[in-house]
């Protein structure tokens, strides 16, 4: 996979979104609020079993939303690896009650009961939170996310910068690819080059890329100013939330509150 394909895979969210699915048509503001409320609920739970409905529910919704399941699981790989690493570390550093002792030549590692419980809970919390974000990005066009952020009163300058970053990241990678290919055609990274020479060529590529990026950003800024763009410019037209979206949002919030209450009751 070349760099342009990688960029398209990670940043071009709209390509993998089914335009006719019910979740895609769902109001972006409600989805964003529901997602962050779900994440807040998931990370505050003390029973790992109650985090499973979040993960399974997101997978079911992704299937019904016609999301490419391969793409869905692909985005879950690195979070799962990260969650596994963090959880395994907890086994050896968290707690006081020793469950098992691993002895090497000069090293003794203790696995604690509290670490097992906390590590398991932490793993499922991370997976639940990532599943919610994964579902949001795979069922919401980027333009919908930016529109929702504006309507949720996020500072316009932040939304504008985000939109520009997503717009020009492809040009950034395309420019870097062109420079890299030009250097390769001149043997900059051939097997005859020493490690120091290759590092020098990579540095030159980085400098040229930064210089080209600054030049293009300056031209973009001048073009926007010449067209009258400023911090008061209207990015999106405000619109009302539809009644079905409000009702669905109410049931989603009710579900999160119910999970939270059940978790607290299980602690008693």
C-alpha atoms as a PDB file:
ATOM      1  CA  UNK A   1       0.000   0.000   0.000  1.00  0.00           C
ATOM      2  CA  UNK A   2       1.565   3.325  -1.043  1.00  0.00           C
ATOM      3  CA  UNK A   3       1.463   6.467   1.147  1.00  0.00           C
ATOM      4  CA  UNK A   4      -1.453   7.969  -0.763  1.00  0.00           C
ATOM      5  CA  UNK A   5      -3.546   4.843  -0.212  1.00  0.00           C
ATOM      6  CA  UNK A   6      -2.630   4.853   3.472  1.00  0.00           C
ATOM      7  CA  UNK A   7      -3.709   8.480   3.803  1.00  0.00           C
ATOM      8  CA  UNK A   8      -6.963   7.740   2.022  1.00  0.00           C
ATOM      9  CA  UNK A   9      -7.567   4.742   4.289  1.00  0.00           C
ATOM     10  CA  UNK A  10      -7.104   6.665   7.507  1.00  0.00           C
ATOM     11  CA  UNK A  11      -8.360  10.154   6.709  1.00  0.00           C
ATOM     12  CA  UNK A  12     -10.922   9.854   3.930  1.00  0.00           C
ATOM     13  CA  UNK A  13     -13.736   8.814   6.226  1.00  0.00           C
ATOM     14  CA  UNK A  14     -16.518   9.422   3.729  1.00  0.00           C
ATOM     15  CA  UNK A  15     -15.378   6.678   1.361  1.00  0.00           C
ATOM     16  CA  UNK A  16     -16.372   3.892   3.754  1.00  0.00           C
ATOM     17  CA  UNK A  17     -19.688   5.429   4.817  1.00  0.00           C
ATOM     18  CA  UNK A  18     -22.968   4.157   3.449  1.00  0.00           C
ATOM     19  CA  UNK A  19     -25.019   7.217   2.567  1.00  0.00           C
ATOM     20  CA  UNK A  20     -28.347   5.402   2.975  1.00  0.00           C
ATOM     21  CA  UNK A  21     -27.886   3.779   6.386  1.00  0.00           C
ATOM     22  CA  UNK A  22     -30.101   4.927   9.246  1.00  0.00           C
ATOM     23  CA  UNK A  23     -27.149   5.835  11.471  1.00  0.00           C
ATOM     24  CA  UNK A  24     -25.528   7.961   8.766  1.00  0.00           C
ATOM     25  CA  UNK A  25     -28.717  10.026   8.480  1.00  0.00           C
ATOM     26  CA  UNK A  26     -28.832  10.440  12.248  1.00  0.00           C
ATOM     27  CA  UNK A  27     -28.182  14.016  13.435  1.00  0.00           C
ATOM     28  CA  UNK A  28     -24.465  14.581  13.966  1.00  0.00           C
ATOM     29  CA  UNK A  29     -24.935  16.640  17.118  1.00  0.00           C
ATOM     30  CA  UNK A  30     -26.922  13.886  18.793  1.00  0.00           C
ATOM     31  CA  UNK A  31     -24.358  11.274  17.736  1.00  0.00           C
ATOM     32  CA  UNK A  32     -21.416  13.271  19.074  1.00  0.00           C
ATOM     33  CA  UNK A  33     -23.120  14.000  22.400  1.00  0.00           C
ATOM     34  CA  UNK A  34     -24.254  10.377  22.717  1.00  0.00           C
ATOM     35  CA  UNK A  35     -20.749   9.117  21.905  1.00  0.00           C
ATOM     36  CA  UNK A  36     -19.022  11.244  24.505  1.00  0.00           C
ATOM     37  CA  UNK A  37     -21.705  10.492  27.086  1.00  0.00           C
ATOM     38  CA  UNK A  38     -21.236   6.795  26.328  1.00  0.00           C
ATOM     39  CA  UNK A  39     -17.467   7.102  26.731  1.00  0.00           C
ATOM     40  CA  UNK A  40     -17.930   8.957  30.013  1.00  0.00           C
ATOM     41  CA  UNK A  41     -20.281   6.229  31.234  1.00  0.00           C
ATOM     42  CA  UNK A  42     -17.979   3.398  30.112  1.00  0.00           C
ATOM     43  CA  UNK A  43     -14.877   4.781  31.824  1.00  0.00           C
ATOM     44  CA  UNK A  44     -16.704   5.296  35.127  1.00  0.00           C
ATOM     45  CA  UNK A  45     -18.015   1.729  35.374  1.00  0.00           C
ATOM     46  CA  UNK A  46     -16.576  -0.582  38.011  1.00  0.00           C
ATOM     47  CA  UNK A  47     -17.923  -3.844  36.587  1.00  0.00           C
ATOM     48  CA  UNK A  48     -16.236  -5.012  33.395  1.00  0.00           C
ATOM     49  CA  UNK A  49     -19.271  -7.095  32.373  1.00  0.00           C
ATOM     50  CA  UNK A  50     -21.351  -3.906  31.979  1.00  0.00           C
ATOM     51  CA  UNK A  51     -18.879  -2.565  29.395  1.00  0.00           C
ATOM     52  CA  UNK A  52     -19.590  -5.492  27.052  1.00  0.00           C
ATOM     53  CA  UNK A  53     -22.984  -4.109  25.872  1.00  0.00           C
ATOM     54  CA  UNK A  54     -21.144  -1.026  24.577  1.00  0.00           C
ATOM     55  CA  UNK A  55     -18.718  -3.102  22.494  1.00  0.00           C
ATOM     56  CA  UNK A  56     -21.290  -5.569  21.179  1.00  0.00           C
ATOM     57  CA  UNK A  57     -23.859  -2.828  20.603  1.00  0.00           C
ATOM     58  CA  UNK A  58     -21.411  -0.819  18.490  1.00  0.00           C
ATOM     59  CA  UNK A  59     -20.607  -3.890  16.399  1.00  0.00           C
ATOM     60  CA  UNK A  60     -24.315  -4.634  15.820  1.00  0.00           C
ATOM     61  CA  UNK A  61     -25.012  -1.011  14.879  1.00  0.00           C
ATOM     62  CA  UNK A  62     -22.039  -1.053  12.504  1.00  0.00           C
ATOM     63  CA  UNK A  63     -23.431  -4.131  10.773  1.00  0.00           C
ATOM     64  CA  UNK A  64     -26.906  -2.621  10.408  1.00  0.00           C
ATOM     65  CA  UNK A  65     -25.328   0.636   9.192  1.00  0.00           C
ATOM     66  CA  UNK A  66     -23.671  -1.262   6.323  1.00  0.00           C
ATOM     67  CA  UNK A  67     -20.183  -0.453   7.551  1.00  0.00           C
ATOM     68  CA  UNK A  68     -17.394  -2.562   6.094  1.00  0.00           C
ATOM     69  CA  UNK A  69     -16.725  -4.988   8.927  1.00  0.00           C
ATOM     70  CA  UNK A  70     -13.140  -5.510   7.770  1.00  0.00           C
ATOM     71  CA  UNK A  71     -12.571  -1.786   8.082  1.00  0.00           C
ATOM     72  CA  UNK A  72     -14.267  -1.750  11.483  1.00  0.00           C
ATOM     73  CA  UNK A  73     -12.002  -4.471  12.896  1.00  0.00           C
ATOM     74  CA  UNK A  74      -8.935  -2.997  11.194  1.00  0.00           C
ATOM     75  CA  UNK A  75      -9.390   0.166  13.215  1.00  0.00           C
ATOM     76  CA  UNK A  76      -9.710  -1.885  16.396  1.00  0.00           C
ATOM     77  CA  UNK A  77      -6.384  -3.730  16.037  1.00  0.00           C
ATOM     78  CA  UNK A  78      -4.041  -1.083  17.446  1.00  0.00           C
ATOM     79  CA  UNK A  79      -6.350  -0.053  20.309  1.00  0.00           C
ATOM     80  CA  UNK A  80      -6.632  -3.727  21.306  1.00  0.00           C
ATOM     81  CA  UNK A  81      -2.830  -4.089  21.289  1.00  0.00           C
ATOM     82  CA  UNK A  82      -2.487  -0.900  23.343  1.00  0.00           C
ATOM     83  CA  UNK A  83      -5.211  -1.972  25.804  1.00  0.00           C
ATOM     84  CA  UNK A  84      -3.597  -5.393  26.192  1.00  0.00           C
ATOM     85  CA  UNK A  85      -0.197  -3.872  26.956  1.00  0.00           C
ATOM     86  CA  UNK A  86      -1.598  -1.435  29.530  1.00  0.00           C
ATOM     87  CA  UNK A  87      -3.668  -4.173  31.178  1.00  0.00           C
ATOM     88  CA  UNK A  88      -0.771  -6.616  31.403  1.00  0.00           C
ATOM     89  CA  UNK A  89       1.390  -3.966  33.077  1.00  0.00           C
ATOM     90  CA  UNK A  90      -1.259  -3.565  35.787  1.00  0.00           C
ATOM     91  CA  UNK A  91      -0.830  -7.221  36.784  1.00  0.00           C
ATOM     92  CA  UNK A  92       2.659  -6.500  38.102  1.00  0.00           C
ATOM     93  CA  UNK A  93       2.337  -2.986  39.526  1.00  0.00           C
ATOM     94  CA  UNK A  94      -1.152  -2.689  41.017  1.00  0.00           C
ATOM     95  CA  UNK A  95      -2.204  -4.308  44.300  1.00  0.00           C
ATOM     96  CA  UNK A  96      -0.836  -5.905  47.458  1.00  0.00           C
ATOM     97  CA  UNK A  97      -2.199  -9.466  47.446  1.00  0.00           C
ATOM     98  CA  UNK A  98       0.179 -11.752  45.565  1.00  0.00           C
ATOM     99  CA  UNK A  99      -1.620 -14.230  43.304  1.00  0.00           C
ATOM    100  CA  UNK A 100       1.387 -15.786  41.579  1.00  0.00           C
ATOM    101  CA  UNK A 101       5.135 -15.271  41.493  1.00  0.00           C
ATOM    102  CA  UNK A 102       7.290 -15.575  38.390  1.00  0.00           C
ATOM    103  CA  UNK A 103      10.984 -16.121  39.043  1.00  0.00           C
ATOM    104  CA  UNK A 104      13.793 -15.678  36.559  1.00  0.00           C
ATOM    105  CA  UNK A 105      17.533 -15.806  37.207  1.00  0.00           C
ATOM    106  CA  UNK A 106      17.792 -12.496  39.001  1.00  0.00           C
ATOM    107  CA  UNK A 107      14.269 -11.154  38.621  1.00  0.00           C
ATOM    108  CA  UNK A 108      11.127 -11.886  40.605  1.00  0.00           C
ATOM    109  CA  UNK A 109       7.775 -10.693  39.295  1.00  0.00           C
ATOM    110  CA  UNK A 110       4.653 -10.758  41.424  1.00  0.00           C
ATOM    111  CA  UNK A 111       1.189 -10.914  39.903  1.00  0.00           C
ATOM    112  CA  UNK A 112      -1.374  -9.292  42.201  1.00  0.00           C
ATOM    113  CA  UNK A 113      -5.046 -10.182  42.557  1.00  0.00           C
ATOM    114  CA  UNK A 114      -6.000  -6.519  42.485  1.00  0.00           C
ATOM    115  CA  UNK A 115      -3.919  -6.084  39.325  1.00  0.00           C
ATOM    116  CA  UNK A 116      -5.824  -8.872  37.572  1.00  0.00           C
ATOM    117  CA  UNK A 117      -9.177  -7.304  38.420  1.00  0.00           C
ATOM    118  CA  UNK A 118      -8.110  -3.769  37.565  1.00  0.00           C
ATOM    119  CA  UNK A 119      -6.292  -4.818  34.382  1.00  0.00           C
ATOM    120  CA  UNK A 120      -9.353  -6.702  33.137  1.00  0.00           C
ATOM    121  CA  UNK A 121     -11.622  -3.747  33.872  1.00  0.00           C
ATOM    122  CA  UNK A 122      -9.214  -1.322  32.210  1.00  0.00           C
ATOM    123  CA  UNK A 123      -8.981  -3.475  29.073  1.00  0.00           C
ATOM    124  CA  UNK A 124     -12.749  -3.636  28.569  1.00  0.00           C
ATOM    125  CA  UNK A 125     -13.134   0.087  29.316  1.00  0.00           C
ATOM    126  CA  UNK A 126     -10.651   0.999  26.593  1.00  0.00           C
ATOM    127  CA  UNK A 127     -12.274  -1.344  24.062  1.00  0.00           C
ATOM    128  CA  UNK A 128     -15.745   0.025  24.834  1.00  0.00           C
ATOM    129  CA  UNK A 129     -14.610   3.647  24.454  1.00  0.00           C
ATOM    130  CA  UNK A 130     -12.736   2.951  21.214  1.00  0.00           C
ATOM    131  CA  UNK A 131     -15.748   1.048  19.829  1.00  0.00           C
ATOM    132  CA  UNK A 132     -17.955   4.091  20.363  1.00  0.00           C
ATOM    133  CA  UNK A 133     -15.498   6.407  18.612  1.00  0.00           C
ATOM    134  CA  UNK A 134     -14.980   3.882  15.836  1.00  0.00           C
ATOM    135  CA  UNK A 135     -18.713   3.692  15.202  1.00  0.00           C
ATOM    136  CA  UNK A 136     -19.006   7.483  15.199  1.00  0.00           C
ATOM    137  CA  UNK A 137     -16.255   8.042  12.610  1.00  0.00           C
ATOM    138  CA  UNK A 138     -17.440   5.200  10.360  1.00  0.00           C
ATOM    139  CA  UNK A 139     -21.061   6.375  10.261  1.00  0.00           C
ATOM    140  CA  UNK A 140     -20.600  10.142  10.212  1.00  0.00           C
ATOM    141  CA  UNK A 141     -19.184  12.068   7.235  1.00  0.00           C
ATOM    142  CA  UNK A 142     -16.425  14.471   8.229  1.00  0.00           C
ATOM    143  CA  UNK A 143     -18.513  17.399   7.032  1.00  0.00           C
ATOM    144  CA  UNK A 144     -21.224  16.244   9.444  1.00  0.00           C
ATOM    145  CA  UNK A 145     -18.787  16.115  12.355  1.00  0.00           C
ATOM    146  CA  UNK A 146     -17.483  19.613  11.614  1.00  0.00           C
ATOM    147  CA  UNK A 147     -21.024  20.926  11.236  1.00  0.00           C
ATOM    148  CA  UNK A 148     -22.019  19.384  14.546  1.00  0.00           C
ATOM    149  CA  UNK A 149     -18.984  20.891  16.287  1.00  0.00           C
ATOM    150  CA  UNK A 150     -19.926  24.363  15.056  1.00  0.00           C
ATOM    151  CA  UNK A 151     -23.515  23.932  16.229  1.00  0.00           C
ATOM    152  CA  UNK A 152     -22.264  22.695  19.601  1.00  0.00           C
ATOM    153  CA  UNK A 153     -20.474  26.044  20.002  1.00  0.00           C
ATOM    154  CA  UNK A 154     -16.944  24.729  19.577  1.00  0.00           C
ATOM    155  CA  UNK A 155     -14.715  27.753  18.720  1.00  0.00           C
ATOM    156  CA  UNK A 156     -14.830  28.358  14.973  1.00  0.00           C
ATOM    157  CA  UNK A 157     -11.072  28.744  14.736  1.00  0.00           C
ATOM    158  CA  UNK A 158     -10.594  25.170  15.979  1.00  0.00           C
ATOM    159  CA  UNK A 159     -13.134  23.836  13.493  1.00  0.00           C
ATOM    160  CA  UNK A 160     -11.535  25.789  10.661  1.00  0.00           C
ATOM    161  CA  UNK A 161      -8.061  24.494  11.496  1.00  0.00           C
ATOM    162  CA  UNK A 162      -9.390  20.945  11.675  1.00  0.00           C
ATOM    163  CA  UNK A 163     -11.111  21.291   8.311  1.00  0.00           C
ATOM    164  CA  UNK A 164      -7.954  22.665   6.705  1.00  0.00           C
ATOM    165  CA  UNK A 165      -5.825  19.894   8.201  1.00  0.00           C
ATOM    166  CA  UNK A 166      -8.122  17.211   6.813  1.00  0.00           C
ATOM    167  CA  UNK A 167      -8.300  18.997   3.471  1.00  0.00           C
ATOM    168  CA  UNK A 168      -4.556  19.429   2.980  1.00  0.00           C
ATOM    169  CA  UNK A 169      -3.145  16.309   4.607  1.00  0.00           C
ATOM    170  CA  UNK A 170      -3.521  14.576   1.241  1.00  0.00           C
ATOM    171  CA  UNK A 171      -1.510  17.294  -0.474  1.00  0.00           C
ATOM    172  CA  UNK A 172       1.094  17.043   2.274  1.00  0.00           C
ATOM    173  CA  UNK A 173       1.508  13.301   1.721  1.00  0.00           C
ATOM    174  CA  UNK A 174       1.366  13.666  -2.055  1.00  0.00           C
ATOM    175  CA  UNK A 175       4.152  16.266  -1.937  1.00  0.00           C
ATOM    176  CA  UNK A 176       6.239  14.019   0.314  1.00  0.00           C
ATOM    177  CA  UNK A 177       5.700  11.062  -2.008  1.00  0.00           C
ATOM    178  CA  UNK A 178       6.810  13.112  -5.020  1.00  0.00           C
ATOM    179  CA  UNK A 179       9.985  14.233  -3.240  1.00  0.00           C
ATOM    180  CA  UNK A 180      10.732  10.694  -2.076  1.00  0.00           C
ATOM    181  CA  UNK A 181      10.297   9.245  -5.571  1.00  0.00           C
ATOM    182  CA  UNK A 182      12.500  11.959  -7.045  1.00  0.00           C
ATOM    183  CA  UNK A 183      15.243  11.103  -4.555  1.00  0.00           C
ATOM    184  CA  UNK A 184      14.856   7.369  -5.240  1.00  0.00           C
ATOM    185  CA  UNK A 185      15.261   7.974  -8.978  1.00  0.00           C
ATOM    186  CA  UNK A 186      18.618   9.559  -8.161  1.00  0.00           C
ATOM    187  CA  UNK A 187      19.720   6.605  -6.021  1.00  0.00           C
ATOM    188  CA  UNK A 188      19.393   8.437  -2.712  1.00  0.00           C
ATOM    189  CA  UNK A 189      18.285   5.291  -0.870  1.00  0.00           C
ATOM    190  CA  UNK A 190      20.044   2.563  -2.835  1.00  0.00           C
ATOM    191  CA  UNK A 191      21.964  -0.243  -1.152  1.00  0.00           C
ATOM    192  CA  UNK A 192      25.237   1.438  -2.114  1.00  0.00           C
ATOM    193  CA  UNK A 193      24.481   4.404   0.123  1.00  0.00           C
ATOM    194  CA  UNK A 194      25.715   4.369   3.713  1.00  0.00           C
ATOM    195  CA  UNK A 195      23.398   4.725   6.667  1.00  0.00           C
ATOM    196  CA  UNK A 196      24.623   8.294   7.270  1.00  0.00           C
ATOM    197  CA  UNK A 197      23.949   9.232   3.632  1.00  0.00           C
ATOM    198  CA  UNK A 198      20.433   7.816   3.779  1.00  0.00           C
ATOM    199  CA  UNK A 199      19.696   9.725   6.989  1.00  0.00           C
ATOM    200  CA  UNK A 200      21.014  12.909   5.366  1.00  0.00           C
ATOM    201  CA  UNK A 201      18.732  12.360   2.364  1.00  0.00           C
ATOM    202  CA  UNK A 202      15.747  11.786   4.648  1.00  0.00           C
ATOM    203  CA  UNK A 203      16.587  15.047   6.403  1.00  0.00           C
ATOM    204  CA  UNK A 204      16.724  16.887   3.090  1.00  0.00           C
ATOM    205  CA  UNK A 205      13.344  15.424   2.161  1.00  0.00           C
ATOM    206  CA  UNK A 206      11.870  16.601   5.480  1.00  0.00           C
ATOM    207  CA  UNK A 207      13.265  20.131   4.991  1.00  0.00           C
ATOM    208  CA  UNK A 208      11.909  20.319   1.433  1.00  0.00           C
ATOM    209  CA  UNK A 209       8.521  19.053   2.601  1.00  0.00           C
ATOM    210  CA  UNK A 210       8.308  21.596   5.426  1.00  0.00           C
ATOM    211  CA  UNK A 211       9.321  24.394   3.076  1.00  0.00           C
ATOM    212  CA  UNK A 212       6.695  23.366   0.511  1.00  0.00           C
ATOM    213  CA  UNK A 213       4.048  23.087   3.246  1.00  0.00           C
ATOM    214  CA  UNK A 214       4.802  26.573   4.601  1.00  0.00           C
ATOM    215  CA  UNK A 215       4.672  28.018   1.080  1.00  0.00           C
ATOM    216  CA  UNK A 216       1.302  26.404   0.345  1.00  0.00           C
ATOM    217  CA  UNK A 217      -0.141  27.356   3.727  1.00  0.00           C
ATOM    218  CA  UNK A 218       0.852  30.981   3.139  1.00  0.00           C
ATOM    219  CA  UNK A 219      -0.863  30.974  -0.272  1.00  0.00           C
ATOM    220  CA  UNK A 220      -3.964  29.378   1.237  1.00  0.00           C
ATOM    221  CA  UNK A 221      -4.118  32.025   3.966  1.00  0.00           C
ATOM    222  CA  UNK A 222      -3.752  34.839   1.438  1.00  0.00           C
ATOM    223  CA  UNK A 223      -6.470  33.303  -0.767  1.00  0.00           C
ATOM    224  CA  UNK A 224      -8.886  33.034   2.179  1.00  0.00           C
ATOM    225  CA  UNK A 225      -8.202  36.595   3.343  1.00  0.00           C
ATOM    226  CA  UNK A 226      -8.669  37.940  -0.187  1.00  0.00           C
ATOM    227  CA  UNK A 227     -12.113  36.326  -0.228  1.00  0.00           C
ATOM    228  CA  UNK A 228     -13.101  38.015   3.009  1.00  0.00           C
ATOM    229  CA  UNK A 229     -12.760  35.026   5.330  1.00  0.00           C
ATOM    230  CA  UNK A 230     -12.404  35.875   9.015  1.00  0.00           C
ATOM    231  CA  UNK A 231     -13.282  34.460  12.427  1.00  0.00           C
ATOM    232  CA  UNK A 232     -16.878  35.651  12.057  1.00  0.00           C
ATOM    233  CA  UNK A 233     -17.452  33.866   8.757  1.00  0.00           C
ATOM    234  CA  UNK A 234     -20.386  31.450   8.779  1.00  0.00           C
ATOM    235  CA  UNK A 235     -19.138  27.922   8.167  1.00  0.00           C
ATOM    236  CA  UNK A 236     -22.470  26.092   8.291  1.00  0.00           C
ATOM    237  CA  UNK A 237     -26.124  26.977   8.383  1.00  0.00           C
ATOM    238  CA  UNK A 238     -27.778  26.127  11.678  1.00  0.00           C
ATOM    239  CA  UNK A 239     -30.641  23.645  11.511  1.00  0.00           C
ATOM    240  CA  UNK A 240     -33.081  22.156  13.980  1.00  0.00           C
ATOM    241  CA  UNK A 241     -32.743  18.663  15.361  1.00  0.00           C
ATOM    242  CA  UNK A 242     -35.482  16.409  13.999  1.00  0.00           C
ATOM    243  CA  UNK A 243     -37.961  14.883  16.429  1.00  0.00           C
ATOM    244  CA  UNK A 244     -36.998  11.242  15.634  1.00  0.00           C
ATOM    245  CA  UNK A 245     -33.364  12.085  16.409  1.00  0.00           C
ATOM    246  CA  UNK A 246     -34.381  13.678  19.709  1.00  0.00           C
ATOM    247  CA  UNK A 247     -36.422  10.609  20.659  1.00  0.00           C
ATOM    248  CA  UNK A 248     -33.584   8.251  19.718  1.00  0.00           C
ATOM    249  CA  UNK A 249     -31.136  10.398  21.679  1.00  0.00           C
ATOM    250  CA  UNK A 250     -33.442  10.221  24.708  1.00  0.00           C
ATOM    251  CA  UNK A 251     -33.471   6.404  24.617  1.00  0.00           C
ATOM    252  CA  UNK A 252     -29.684   6.309  24.209  1.00  0.00           C
ATOM    253  CA  UNK A 253     -29.194   8.577  27.233  1.00  0.00           C
ATOM    254  CA  UNK A 254     -31.687   6.460  29.194  1.00  0.00           C
ATOM    255  CA  UNK A 255     -29.674   3.353  28.335  1.00  0.00           C
ATOM    256  CA  UNK A 256     -26.435   4.934  29.572  1.00  0.00           C
ATOM    257  CA  UNK A 257     -28.063   6.119  32.787  1.00  0.00           C
ATOM    258  CA  UNK A 258     -29.530   2.650  33.364  1.00  0.00           C
ATOM    259  CA  UNK A 259     -26.117   1.005  32.921  1.00  0.00           C
ATOM    260  CA  UNK A 260     -24.591   3.523  35.332  1.00  0.00           C
ATOM    261  CA  UNK A 261     -27.278   2.911  37.973  1.00  0.00           C
ATOM    262  CA  UNK A 262     -26.954  -0.882  37.651  1.00  0.00           C
ATOM    263  CA  UNK A 263     -23.202  -0.553  38.137  1.00  0.00           C
ATOM    264  CA  UNK A 264     -23.656   1.425  41.336  1.00  0.00           C
ATOM    265  CA  UNK A 265     -26.254  -1.029  42.637  1.00  0.00           C
ATOM    266  CA  UNK A 266     -23.858  -3.935  42.089  1.00  0.00           C
ATOM    267  CA  UNK A 267     -21.291  -2.194  44.281  1.00  0.00           C
ATOM    268  CA  UNK A 268     -23.688  -2.159  47.235  1.00  0.00           C
END
